[in-house]
Amino acid sequence: MECVEWEERARAGEPATPARSRRSRAVLLVVMGFVGVVALAVVTAL
């Protein structure tokens, strides 16, 4: 996942700034957590 992010950044020509990386990681964590909760809910429902 990190590799893809670096590739996209390189393609877009954006510098990999620490602030952006930190925000991106935070968003990724929230999304992954949300997906985990949804998956858990689905498994529990089954």
C-alpha atoms as a PDB file:
ATOM      1  CA  MET A   1       0.000   0.000   0.000  1.00  0.00           C
ATOM      2  CA  GLU A   2       2.857   2.355   0.856  1.00  0.00           C
ATOM      3  CA  CYS A   3       4.568   1.557  -2.441  1.00  0.00           C
ATOM      4  CA  VAL A   4       1.464   2.453  -4.444  1.00  0.00           C
ATOM      5  CA  GLU A   5       1.184   5.726  -2.537  1.00  0.00           C
ATOM      6  CA  TRP A   6       4.805   6.606  -3.359  1.00  0.00           C
ATOM      7  CA  GLU A   7       4.237   5.750  -7.024  1.00  0.00           C
ATOM      8  CA  GLU A   8       1.146   7.951  -7.206  1.00  0.00           C
ATOM      9  CA  ARG A   9       3.025  10.791  -5.551  1.00  0.00           C
ATOM     10  CA  ALA A  10       5.920  10.440  -7.972  1.00  0.00           C
ATOM     11  CA  ARG A  11       3.521  10.371 -10.925  1.00  0.00           C
ATOM     12  CA  ALA A  12       1.689  13.458  -9.661  1.00  0.00           C
ATOM     13  CA  GLY A  13       5.039  15.172  -9.143  1.00  0.00           C
ATOM     14  CA  GLU A  14       4.278  15.965  -5.520  1.00  0.00           C
ATOM     15  CA  PRO A  15       7.043  16.146  -2.931  1.00  0.00           C
ATOM     16  CA  ALA A  16       6.643  13.590  -0.154  1.00  0.00           C
ATOM     17  CA  THR A  17       6.247  16.108   2.663  1.00  0.00           C
ATOM     18  CA  PRO A  18       6.153  14.730   6.217  1.00  0.00           C
ATOM     19  CA  ALA A  19       2.939  16.620   7.021  1.00  0.00           C
ATOM     20  CA  ARG A  20       1.134  15.133   4.024  1.00  0.00           C
ATOM     21  CA  SER A  21       2.506  11.685   4.829  1.00  0.00           C
ATOM     22  CA  ARG A  22       1.325  11.961   8.430  1.00  0.00           C
ATOM     23  CA  ARG A  23      -2.166  13.089   7.397  1.00  0.00           C
ATOM     24  CA  SER A  24      -2.325  10.389   4.741  1.00  0.00           C
ATOM     25  CA  ARG A  25      -1.344   7.749   7.297  1.00  0.00           C
ATOM     26  CA  ALA A  26      -3.973   9.028   9.744  1.00  0.00           C
ATOM     27  CA  VAL A  27      -6.671   8.868   7.066  1.00  0.00           C
ATOM     28  CA  LEU A  28      -5.505   5.370   6.103  1.00  0.00           C
ATOM     29  CA  LEU A  29      -5.703   4.263   9.743  1.00  0.00           C
ATOM     30  CA  VAL A  30      -9.250   5.633  10.101  1.00  0.00           C
ATOM     31  CA  VAL A  31     -10.359   3.954   6.865  1.00  0.00           C
ATOM     32  CA  MET A  32      -8.774   0.637   7.831  1.00  0.00           C
ATOM     33  CA  GLY A  33     -10.359   0.839  11.282  1.00  0.00           C
ATOM     34  CA  PHE A  34     -13.775   1.570   9.762  1.00  0.00           C
ATOM     35  CA  VAL A  35     -13.403  -1.343   7.317  1.00  0.00           C
ATOM     36  CA  GLY A  36     -12.391  -3.578  10.217  1.00  0.00           C
ATOM     37  CA  VAL A  37     -15.458  -2.581  12.248  1.00  0.00           C
ATOM     38  CA  VAL A  38     -17.771  -3.152   9.261  1.00  0.00           C
ATOM     39  CA  ALA A  39     -16.179  -6.545   8.559  1.00  0.00           C
ATOM     40  CA  LEU A  40     -16.566  -7.502  12.223  1.00  0.00           C
ATOM     41  CA  ALA A  41     -20.234  -6.423  12.155  1.00  0.00           C
ATOM     42  CA  VAL A  42     -20.864  -8.474   9.002  1.00  0.00           C
ATOM     43  CA  VAL A  43     -19.169 -11.562  10.482  1.00  0.00           C
ATOM     44  CA  THR A  44     -21.144 -11.150  13.728  1.00  0.00           C
ATOM     45  CA  ALA A  45     -24.404 -10.747  11.782  1.00  0.00           C
ATOM     46  CA  LEU A  46     -23.710 -14.003   9.956  1.00  0.00           C
END
